[in-house]
Amino acid sequence: MGNRCQCPAQFEGPECQQNKHSFQGNGYAWFPPMMPCFESHVSLEFITDVADGLLLYSGPLAQLQAWDREDFMAIECKLHKRGIVDKCETGVV
C-alpha cells in the first residue's frame, strides 16, 4: 500500500496539510504575501454562521496617502453573499 505518514493534530490529507481554520470574534491568520506579477492560484472553501466577514485580503497593510495607488484583492462575505473586490488594472481574477 506504499508509505503512509501519521499527521500531527489539526493536519490532514495526503500531504498533512492544515486545511481547517476556525476563528472566534476578530481572529485572523497571517500568511506570506502573494507574489505580484506572477500567476497565483487560490482555492477556498468556507462555512459561516455570521453575515459579514473578510475571507482573504492581499494588499498594503498601512494606510496609504490619497495620491498613492496600490493594487489589492479581497474576498468578502456580505449578508451570506460571496463577493470579490479587485483593484488591479490588469490580470485575471
PDB file of N, CA and C in Angstrom:
ATOM      1  N   MET A   1       0.824  -1.190   0.000  1.00  0.00           N
ATOM      2  CA  MET A   1       0.000   0.000   0.000  1.00  0.00           C
ATOM      3  C   MET A   1       0.869   1.255   0.000  1.00  0.00           C
ATOM      4  N   GLY A   2       2.172   1.135   0.026  1.00  0.00           N
ATOM      5  CA  GLY A   2       3.037   2.308  -0.036  1.00  0.00           C
ATOM      6  C   GLY A   2       3.273   2.929   1.326  1.00  0.00           C
ATOM      7  N   ASN A   3       4.085   3.959   1.337  1.00  0.00           N
ATOM      8  CA  ASN A   3       4.375   4.672   2.578  1.00  0.00           C
ATOM      9  C   ASN A   3       3.182   5.503   3.011  1.00  0.00           C
ATOM     10  N   ARG A   4       3.037   5.645   4.298  1.00  0.00           N
ATOM     11  CA  ARG A   4       1.927   6.429   4.824  1.00  0.00           C
ATOM     12  C   ARG A   4       2.429   7.225   6.022  1.00  0.00           C
ATOM     13  N   CYS A   5       2.112   8.502   6.056  1.00  0.00           N
ATOM     14  CA  CYS A   5       2.544   9.360   7.158  1.00  0.00           C
ATOM     15  C   CYS A   5       1.456   9.434   8.220  1.00  0.00           C
ATOM     16  N   GLN A   6       1.870   9.613   9.446  1.00  0.00           N
ATOM     17  CA  GLN A   6       0.922   9.904  10.516  1.00  0.00           C
ATOM     18  C   GLN A   6       0.991  11.406  10.741  1.00  0.00           C
ATOM     19  N   CYS A   7      -0.106  12.087  10.463  1.00  0.00           N
ATOM     20  CA  CYS A   7      -0.139  13.551  10.522  1.00  0.00           C
ATOM     21  C   CYS A   7      -0.281  14.040  11.956  1.00  0.00           C
ATOM     22  N   PRO A   8       0.381  15.158  12.287  1.00  0.00           N
ATOM     23  CA  PRO A   8       0.178  15.777  13.599  1.00  0.00           C
ATOM     24  C   PRO A   8      -1.265  16.271  13.735  1.00  0.00           C
ATOM     25  N   ALA A   9      -1.681  16.565  14.960  1.00  0.00           N
ATOM     26  CA  ALA A   9      -3.037  17.069  15.205  1.00  0.00           C
ATOM     27  C   ALA A   9      -3.320  18.299  14.352  1.00  0.00           C
ATOM     28  N   GLN A  10      -4.515  18.442  13.853  1.00  0.00           N
ATOM     29  CA  GLN A  10      -5.020  19.542  13.024  1.00  0.00           C
ATOM     30  C   GLN A  10      -4.434  19.555  11.611  1.00  0.00           C
ATOM     31  N   PHE A  11      -3.699  18.532  11.224  1.00  0.00           N
ATOM     32  CA  PHE A  11      -3.192  18.418   9.864  1.00  0.00           C
ATOM     33  C   PHE A  11      -3.764  17.145   9.277  1.00  0.00           C
ATOM     34  N   GLU A  12      -4.214  17.227   8.009  1.00  0.00           N
ATOM     35  CA  GLU A  12      -4.876  16.087   7.387  1.00  0.00           C
ATOM     36  C   GLU A  12      -4.469  15.971   5.930  1.00  0.00           C
ATOM     37  N   GLY A  13      -4.936  14.941   5.282  1.00  0.00           N
ATOM     38  CA  GLY A  13      -4.750  14.777   3.856  1.00  0.00           C
ATOM     39  C   GLY A  13      -3.467  14.046   3.513  1.00  0.00           C
ATOM     40  N   PRO A  14      -3.268  13.798   2.219  1.00  0.00           N
ATOM     41  CA  PRO A  14      -2.109  13.019   1.784  1.00  0.00           C
ATOM     42  C   PRO A  14      -0.772  13.721   2.054  1.00  0.00           C
ATOM     43  N   GLU A  15      -0.782  15.023   2.206  1.00  0.00           N
ATOM     44  CA  GLU A  15       0.456  15.775   2.451  1.00  0.00           C
ATOM     45  C   GLU A  15       0.454  16.441   3.826  1.00  0.00           C
ATOM     46  N   CYS A  16      -0.405  15.978   4.721  1.00  0.00           N
ATOM     47  CA  CYS A  16      -0.514  16.522   6.084  1.00  0.00           C
ATOM     48  C   CYS A  16      -0.646  18.044   6.081  1.00  0.00           C
ATOM     49  N   GLN A  17      -1.515  18.553   5.222  1.00  0.00           N
ATOM     50  CA  GLN A  17      -1.716  19.996   5.148  1.00  0.00           C
ATOM     51  C   GLN A  17      -2.721  20.446   6.191  1.00  0.00           C
ATOM     52  N   GLN A  18      -2.589  21.699   6.618  1.00  0.00           N
ATOM     53  CA  GLN A  18      -3.574  22.264   7.541  1.00  0.00           C
ATOM     54  C   GLN A  18      -4.713  22.771   6.678  1.00  0.00           C
ATOM     55  N   ASN A  19      -5.869  22.145   6.797  1.00  0.00           N
ATOM     56  CA  ASN A  19      -6.962  22.500   5.904  1.00  0.00           C
ATOM     57  C   ASN A  19      -8.201  22.979   6.636  1.00  0.00           C
ATOM     58  N   LYS A  20      -8.089  23.246   7.932  1.00  0.00           N
ATOM     59  CA  LYS A  20      -9.229  23.771   8.679  1.00  0.00           C
ATOM     60  C   LYS A  20      -8.750  24.875   9.606  1.00  0.00           C
ATOM     61  N   HIS A  21      -9.450  25.985   9.575  1.00  0.00           N
ATOM     62  CA  HIS A  21      -9.178  27.091  10.487  1.00  0.00           C
ATOM     63  C   HIS A  21     -10.509  27.532  11.077  1.00  0.00           C
ATOM     64  N   SER A  22     -10.497  27.920  12.302  1.00  0.00           N
ATOM     65  CA  SER A  22     -11.702  28.399  12.957  1.00  0.00           C
ATOM     66  C   SER A  22     -11.338  29.626  13.780  1.00  0.00           C
ATOM     67  N   PHE A  23     -12.196  30.631  13.754  1.00  0.00           N
ATOM     68  CA  PHE A  23     -11.916  31.880  14.444  1.00  0.00           C
ATOM     69  C   PHE A  23     -13.102  32.277  15.306  1.00  0.00           C
ATOM     70  N   GLN A  24     -12.816  32.933  16.388  1.00  0.00           N
ATOM     71  CA  GLN A  24     -13.831  33.490  17.273  1.00  0.00           C
ATOM     72  C   GLN A  24     -13.685  35.004  17.244  1.00  0.00           C
ATOM     73  N   GLY A  25     -14.763  35.727  17.039  1.00  0.00           N
ATOM     74  CA  GLY A  25     -14.696  37.193  17.070  1.00  0.00           C
ATOM     75  C   GLY A  25     -13.858  37.770  15.947  1.00  0.00           C
ATOM     76  N   ASN A  26     -12.797  38.473  16.291  1.00  0.00           N
ATOM     77  CA  ASN A  26     -11.960  39.161  15.302  1.00  0.00           C
ATOM     78  C   ASN A  26     -10.666  38.418  15.007  1.00  0.00           C
ATOM     79  N   GLY A  27     -10.665  37.097  15.068  1.00  0.00           N
ATOM     80  CA  GLY A  27      -9.460  36.318  14.806  1.00  0.00           C
ATOM     81  C   GLY A  27      -9.047  36.381  13.343  1.00  0.00           C
ATOM     82  N   TYR A  28      -7.776  36.038  13.090  1.00  0.00           N
ATOM     83  CA  TYR A  28      -7.268  36.023  11.721  1.00  0.00           C
ATOM     84  C   TYR A  28      -6.056  35.107  11.624  1.00  0.00           C
ATOM     85  N   ALA A  29      -5.694  34.763  10.403  1.00  0.00           N
ATOM     86  CA  ALA A  29      -4.480  34.004  10.116  1.00  0.00           C
ATOM     87  C   ALA A  29      -3.609  34.863   9.211  1.00  0.00           C
ATOM     88  N   TRP A  30      -2.312  34.839   9.432  1.00  0.00           N
ATOM     89  CA  TRP A  30      -1.362  35.654   8.664  1.00  0.00           C
ATOM     90  C   TRP A  30      -0.492  34.721   7.830  1.00  0.00           C
ATOM     91  N   PHE A  31      -0.424  34.974   6.516  1.00  0.00           N
ATOM     92  CA  PHE A  31       0.381  34.170   5.605  1.00  0.00           C
ATOM     93  C   PHE A  31       1.307  35.085   4.822  1.00  0.00           C
ATOM     94  N   PRO A  32       2.387  34.560   4.257  1.00  0.00           N
ATOM     95  CA  PRO A  32       3.262  35.390   3.426  1.00  0.00           C
ATOM     96  C   PRO A  32       2.467  35.978   2.261  1.00  0.00           C
ATOM     97  N   PRO A  33       2.831  37.182   1.800  1.00  0.00           N
ATOM     98  CA  PRO A  33       2.077  37.813   0.707  1.00  0.00           C
ATOM     99  C   PRO A  33       2.214  37.046  -0.598  1.00  0.00           C
ATOM    100  N   MET A  34       1.188  37.204  -1.445  1.00  0.00           N
ATOM    101  CA  MET A  34       1.258  36.637  -2.787  1.00  0.00           C
ATOM    102  C   MET A  34       2.255  37.455  -3.593  1.00  0.00           C
ATOM    103  N   MET A  35       2.992  36.796  -4.457  1.00  0.00           N
ATOM    104  CA  MET A  35       3.986  37.496  -5.264  1.00  0.00           C
ATOM    105  C   MET A  35       3.291  38.254  -6.394  1.00  0.00           C
ATOM    106  N   PRO A  36       3.567  39.552  -6.533  1.00  0.00           N
ATOM    107  CA  PRO A  36       2.964  40.307  -7.634  1.00  0.00           C
ATOM    108  C   PRO A  36       3.567  39.879  -8.966  1.00  0.00           C
ATOM    109  N   CYS A  37       2.798  40.052 -10.000  1.00  0.00           N
ATOM    110  CA  CYS A  37       3.244  39.796 -11.379  1.00  0.00           C
ATOM    111  C   CYS A  37       3.484  38.320 -11.669  1.00  0.00           C
ATOM    112  N   PHE A  38       3.062  37.437 -10.802  1.00  0.00           N
ATOM    113  CA  PHE A  38       3.168  36.013 -11.050  1.00  0.00           C
ATOM    114  C   PHE A  38       1.769  35.421 -11.003  1.00  0.00           C
ATOM    115  N   GLU A  39       1.566  34.371 -11.769  1.00  0.00           N
ATOM    116  CA  GLU A  39       0.272  33.704 -11.749  1.00  0.00           C
ATOM    117  C   GLU A  39       0.100  33.006 -10.407  1.00  0.00           C
ATOM    118  N   SER A  40      -1.015  33.258  -9.750  1.00  0.00           N
ATOM    119  CA  SER A  40      -1.297  32.646  -8.451  1.00  0.00           C
ATOM    120  C   SER A  40      -2.633  31.929  -8.511  1.00  0.00           C
ATOM    121  N   HIS A  41      -2.752  30.869  -7.756  1.00  0.00           N
ATOM    122  CA  HIS A  41      -4.000  30.122  -7.667  1.00  0.00           C
ATOM    123  C   HIS A  41      -4.379  30.010  -6.199  1.00  0.00           C
ATOM    124  N   VAL A  42      -5.620  30.335  -5.894  1.00  0.00           N
ATOM    125  CA  VAL A  42      -6.124  30.236  -4.530  1.00  0.00           C
ATOM    126  C   VAL A  42      -7.397  29.410  -4.563  1.00  0.00           C
ATOM    127  N   SER A  43      -7.482  28.421  -3.694  1.00  0.00           N
ATOM    128  CA  SER A  43      -8.685  27.615  -3.554  1.00  0.00           C
ATOM    129  C   SER A  43      -9.197  27.823  -2.139  1.00  0.00           C
ATOM    130  N   LEU A  44     -10.485  28.113  -2.015  1.00  0.00           N
ATOM    131  CA  LEU A  44     -11.028  28.479  -0.720  1.00  0.00           C
ATOM    132  C   LEU A  44     -12.428  27.908  -0.572  1.00  0.00           C
ATOM    133  N   GLU A  45     -12.664  27.167   0.489  1.00  0.00           N
ATOM    134  CA  GLU A  45     -13.998  26.693   0.846  1.00  0.00           C
ATOM    135  C   GLU A  45     -14.281  27.183   2.249  1.00  0.00           C
ATOM    136  N   PHE A  46     -15.518  27.604   2.501  1.00  0.00           N
ATOM    137  CA  PHE A  46     -15.827  28.085   3.837  1.00  0.00           C
ATOM    138  C   PHE A  46     -17.277  27.808   4.202  1.00  0.00           C
ATOM    139  N   ILE A  47     -17.500  27.711   5.495  1.00  0.00           N
ATOM    140  CA  ILE A  47     -18.833  27.614   6.085  1.00  0.00           C
ATOM    141  C   ILE A  47     -18.872  28.672   7.169  1.00  0.00           C
ATOM    142  N   THR A  48     -19.925  29.468   7.190  1.00  0.00           N
ATOM    143  CA  THR A  48     -20.000  30.537   8.178  1.00  0.00           C
ATOM    144  C   THR A  48     -21.394  30.622   8.780  1.00  0.00           C
ATOM    145  N   ASP A  49     -21.453  31.130   9.994  1.00  0.00           N
ATOM    146  CA  ASP A  49     -22.750  31.402  10.604  1.00  0.00           C
ATOM    147  C   ASP A  49     -22.886  32.886  10.927  1.00  0.00           C
ATOM    148  N   VAL A  50     -21.996  33.705  10.355  1.00  0.00           N
ATOM    149  CA  VAL A  50     -22.090  35.160  10.514  1.00  0.00           C
ATOM    150  C   VAL A  50     -22.376  35.788   9.156  1.00  0.00           C
ATOM    151  N   ALA A  51     -23.007  36.949   9.161  1.00  0.00           N
ATOM    152  CA  ALA A  51     -23.445  37.577   7.914  1.00  0.00           C
ATOM    153  C   ALA A  51     -22.310  38.262   7.157  1.00  0.00           C
ATOM    154  N   ASP A  52     -21.341  38.821   7.848  1.00  0.00           N
ATOM    155  CA  ASP A  52     -20.294  39.605   7.195  1.00  0.00           C
ATOM    156  C   ASP A  52     -18.918  39.133   7.640  1.00  0.00           C
ATOM    157  N   GLY A  53     -17.980  39.146   6.707  1.00  0.00           N
ATOM    158  CA  GLY A  53     -16.608  38.794   7.068  1.00  0.00           C
ATOM    159  C   GLY A  53     -15.675  38.920   5.893  1.00  0.00           C
ATOM    160  N   LEU A  54     -14.421  39.175   6.172  1.00  0.00           N
ATOM    161  CA  LEU A  54     -13.367  39.235   5.165  1.00  0.00           C
ATOM    162  C   LEU A  54     -12.675  37.883   5.156  1.00  0.00           C
ATOM    163  N   LEU A  55     -12.700  37.202   4.009  1.00  0.00           N
ATOM    164  CA  LEU A  55     -12.142  35.860   3.912  1.00  0.00           C
ATOM    165  C   LEU A  55     -10.698  35.866   3.452  1.00  0.00           C
ATOM    166  N   LEU A  56     -10.335  36.786   2.576  1.00  0.00           N
ATOM    167  CA  LEU A  56      -8.970  36.868   2.075  1.00  0.00           C
ATOM    168  C   LEU A  56      -8.679  38.307   1.710  1.00  0.00           C
ATOM    169  N   TYR A  57      -7.497  38.778   2.060  1.00  0.00           N
ATOM    170  CA  TYR A  57      -7.051  40.114   1.674  1.00  0.00           C
ATOM    171  C   TYR A  57      -5.592  40.020   1.291  1.00  0.00           C
ATOM    172  N   SER A  58      -5.248  40.574   0.155  1.00  0.00           N
ATOM    173  CA  SER A  58      -3.860  40.658  -0.285  1.00  0.00           C
ATOM    174  C   SER A  58      -3.633  42.074  -0.778  1.00  0.00           C
ATOM    175  N   GLY A  59      -2.786  42.810  -0.097  1.00  0.00           N
ATOM    176  CA  GLY A  59      -2.527  44.196  -0.469  1.00  0.00           C
ATOM    177  C   GLY A  59      -1.770  44.916   0.622  1.00  0.00           C
ATOM    178  N   PRO A  60      -1.739  46.255   0.554  1.00  0.00           N
ATOM    179  CA  PRO A  60      -0.980  47.026   1.541  1.00  0.00           C
ATOM    180  C   PRO A  60      -1.581  46.887   2.940  1.00  0.00           C
ATOM    181  N   LEU A  61      -0.706  46.943   3.935  1.00  0.00           N
ATOM    182  CA  LEU A  61      -1.155  46.822   5.322  1.00  0.00           C
ATOM    183  C   LEU A  61      -1.197  48.161   6.032  1.00  0.00           C
ATOM    184  N   ALA A  62      -0.592  49.176   5.450  1.00  0.00           N
ATOM    185  CA  ALA A  62      -0.566  50.504   6.068  1.00  0.00           C
ATOM    186  C   ALA A  62      -1.523  51.428   5.325  1.00  0.00           C
ATOM    187  N   GLN A  63      -2.007  52.441   6.005  1.00  0.00           N
ATOM    188  CA  GLN A  63      -2.869  53.448   5.382  1.00  0.00           C
ATOM    189  C   GLN A  63      -2.058  54.213   4.340  1.00  0.00           C
ATOM    190  N   LEU A  64      -2.557  54.279   3.126  1.00  0.00           N
ATOM    191  CA  LEU A  64      -1.861  54.980   2.049  1.00  0.00           C
ATOM    192  C   LEU A  64      -2.339  56.421   1.961  1.00  0.00           C
ATOM    193  N   GLN A  65      -1.510  57.245   1.364  1.00  0.00           N
ATOM    194  CA  GLN A  65      -1.910  58.622   1.090  1.00  0.00           C
ATOM    195  C   GLN A  65      -2.913  58.622  -0.063  1.00  0.00           C
ATOM    196  N   ALA A  66      -3.698  59.660  -0.175  1.00  0.00           N
ATOM    197  CA  ALA A  66      -4.739  59.742  -1.209  1.00  0.00           C
ATOM    198  C   ALA A  66      -4.154  59.616  -2.612  1.00  0.00           C
ATOM    199  N   TRP A  67      -2.939  60.081  -2.828  1.00  0.00           N
ATOM    200  CA  TRP A  67      -2.338  60.055  -4.164  1.00  0.00           C
ATOM    201  C   TRP A  67      -1.617  58.731  -4.456  1.00  0.00           C
ATOM    202  N   ASP A  68      -1.423  57.889  -3.454  1.00  0.00           N
ATOM    203  CA  ASP A  68      -0.783  56.594  -3.677  1.00  0.00           C
ATOM    204  C   ASP A  68      -1.750  55.658  -4.387  1.00  0.00           C
ATOM    205  N   ARG A  69      -1.214  54.863  -5.293  1.00  0.00           N
ATOM    206  CA  ARG A  69      -2.021  53.858  -5.979  1.00  0.00           C
ATOM    207  C   ARG A  69      -1.434  52.496  -5.637  1.00  0.00           C
ATOM    208  N   GLU A  70      -2.236  51.646  -5.066  1.00  0.00           N
ATOM    209  CA  GLU A  70      -1.763  50.322  -4.682  1.00  0.00           C
ATOM    210  C   GLU A  70      -2.853  49.310  -4.991  1.00  0.00           C
ATOM    211  N   ASP A  71      -2.482  48.250  -5.692  1.00  0.00           N
ATOM    212  CA  ASP A  71      -3.439  47.199  -6.015  1.00  0.00           C
ATOM    213  C   ASP A  71      -3.705  46.339  -4.786  1.00  0.00           C
ATOM    214  N   PHE A  72      -4.918  45.826  -4.704  1.00  0.00           N
ATOM    215  CA  PHE A  72      -5.233  44.862  -3.661  1.00  0.00           C
ATOM    216  C   PHE A  72      -6.329  43.933  -4.150  1.00  0.00           C
ATOM    217  N   MET A  73      -6.475  42.822  -3.479  1.00  0.00           N
ATOM    218  CA  MET A  73      -7.546  41.885  -3.784  1.00  0.00           C
ATOM    219  C   MET A  73      -8.174  41.467  -2.461  1.00  0.00           C
ATOM    220  N   ALA A  74      -9.489  41.378  -2.428  1.00  0.00           N
ATOM    221  CA  ALA A  74     -10.194  40.939  -1.230  1.00  0.00           C
ATOM    222  C   ALA A  74     -11.334  40.014  -1.628  1.00  0.00           C
ATOM    223  N   ILE A  75     -11.554  38.999  -0.829  1.00  0.00           N
ATOM    224  CA  ILE A  75     -12.726  38.139  -0.977  1.00  0.00           C
ATOM    225  C   ILE A  75     -13.507  38.293   0.317  1.00  0.00           C
ATOM    226  N   GLU A  76     -14.736  38.734   0.187  1.00  0.00           N
ATOM    227  CA  GLU A  76     -15.520  39.027   1.382  1.00  0.00           C
ATOM    228  C   GLU A  76     -16.895  38.388   1.313  1.00  0.00           C
ATOM    229  N   CYS A  77     -17.518  38.256   2.459  1.00  0.00           N
ATOM    230  CA  CYS A  77     -18.868  37.718   2.583  1.00  0.00           C
ATOM    231  C   CYS A  77     -19.729  38.816   3.202  1.00  0.00           C
ATOM    232  N   LYS A  78     -20.761  39.228   2.496  1.00  0.00           N
ATOM    233  CA  LYS A  78     -21.687  40.252   2.993  1.00  0.00           C
ATOM    234  C   LYS A  78     -23.092  39.676   2.938  1.00  0.00           C
ATOM    235  N   LEU A  79     -23.723  39.565   4.085  1.00  0.00           N
ATOM    236  CA  LEU A  79     -25.081  39.018   4.188  1.00  0.00           C
ATOM    237  C   LEU A  79     -25.187  37.672   3.480  1.00  0.00           C
ATOM    238  N   HIS A  80     -24.201  36.817   3.707  1.00  0.00           N
ATOM    239  CA  HIS A  80     -24.132  35.466   3.150  1.00  0.00           C
ATOM    240  C   HIS A  80     -24.044  35.442   1.628  1.00  0.00           C
ATOM    241  N   LYS A  81     -23.590  36.526   1.015  1.00  0.00           N
ATOM    242  CA  LYS A  81     -23.347  36.549  -0.425  1.00  0.00           C
ATOM    243  C   LYS A  81     -21.852  36.712  -0.625  1.00  0.00           C
ATOM    244  N   ARG A  82     -21.284  35.887  -1.468  1.00  0.00           N
ATOM    245  CA  ARG A  82     -19.850  35.967  -1.733  1.00  0.00           C
ATOM    246  C   ARG A  82     -19.573  37.102  -2.709  1.00  0.00           C
ATOM    247  N   GLY A  83     -18.413  37.710  -2.572  1.00  0.00           N
ATOM    248  CA  GLY A  83     -18.045  38.765  -3.494  1.00  0.00           C
ATOM    249  C   GLY A  83     -16.544  38.893  -3.609  1.00  0.00           C
ATOM    250  N   ILE A  84     -16.102  39.318  -4.763  1.00  0.00           N
ATOM    251  CA  ILE A  84     -14.682  39.568  -4.994  1.00  0.00           C
ATOM    252  C   ILE A  84     -14.513  41.041  -5.279  1.00  0.00           C
ATOM    253  N   VAL A  85     -13.630  41.665  -4.546  1.00  0.00           N
ATOM    254  CA  VAL A  85     -13.289  43.064  -4.775  1.00  0.00           C
ATOM    255  C   VAL A  85     -11.886  43.059  -5.342  1.00  0.00           C
ATOM    256  N   ASP A  86     -11.719  43.614  -6.527  1.00  0.00           N
ATOM    257  CA  ASP A  86     -10.416  43.591  -7.178  1.00  0.00           C
ATOM    258  C   ASP A  86     -10.067  44.992  -7.622  1.00  0.00           C
ATOM    259  N   LYS A  87      -8.940  45.492  -7.191  1.00  0.00           N
ATOM    260  CA  LYS A  87      -8.498  46.822  -7.583  1.00  0.00           C
ATOM    261  C   LYS A  87      -7.259  46.754  -8.459  1.00  0.00           C
ATOM    262  N   CYS A  88      -7.103  45.668  -9.187  1.00  0.00           N
ATOM    263  CA  CYS A  88      -5.978  45.546 -10.117  1.00  0.00           C
ATOM    264  C   CYS A  88      -6.442  46.015 -11.487  1.00  0.00           C
ATOM    265  N   GLU A  89      -5.595  46.733 -12.180  1.00  0.00           N
ATOM    266  CA  GLU A  89      -5.987  47.220 -13.502  1.00  0.00           C
ATOM    267  C   GLU A  89      -5.725  46.193 -14.590  1.00  0.00           C
ATOM    268  N   THR A  90      -4.860  45.233 -14.323  1.00  0.00           N
ATOM    269  CA  THR A  90      -4.577  44.209 -15.314  1.00  0.00           C
ATOM    270  C   THR A  90      -4.613  42.851 -14.636  1.00  0.00           C
ATOM    271  N   GLY A  91      -4.705  41.819 -15.431  1.00  0.00           N
ATOM    272  CA  GLY A  91      -4.661  40.473 -14.887  1.00  0.00           C
ATOM    273  C   GLY A  91      -6.037  39.835 -14.840  1.00  0.00           C
ATOM    274  N   VAL A  92      -6.046  38.598 -14.440  1.00  0.00           N
ATOM    275  CA  VAL A  92      -7.267  37.808 -14.394  1.00  0.00           C
ATOM    276  C   VAL A  92      -7.652  37.603 -12.944  1.00  0.00           C
ATOM    277  N   VAL A  93      -8.938  37.747 -12.658  1.00  0.00           N
ATOM    278  CA  VAL A  93      -9.439  37.473 -11.311  1.00  0.00           C
ATOM    279  C   VAL A  93     -10.412  36.320 -11.409  1.00  0.00           C
TER     280      VAL A  93
END
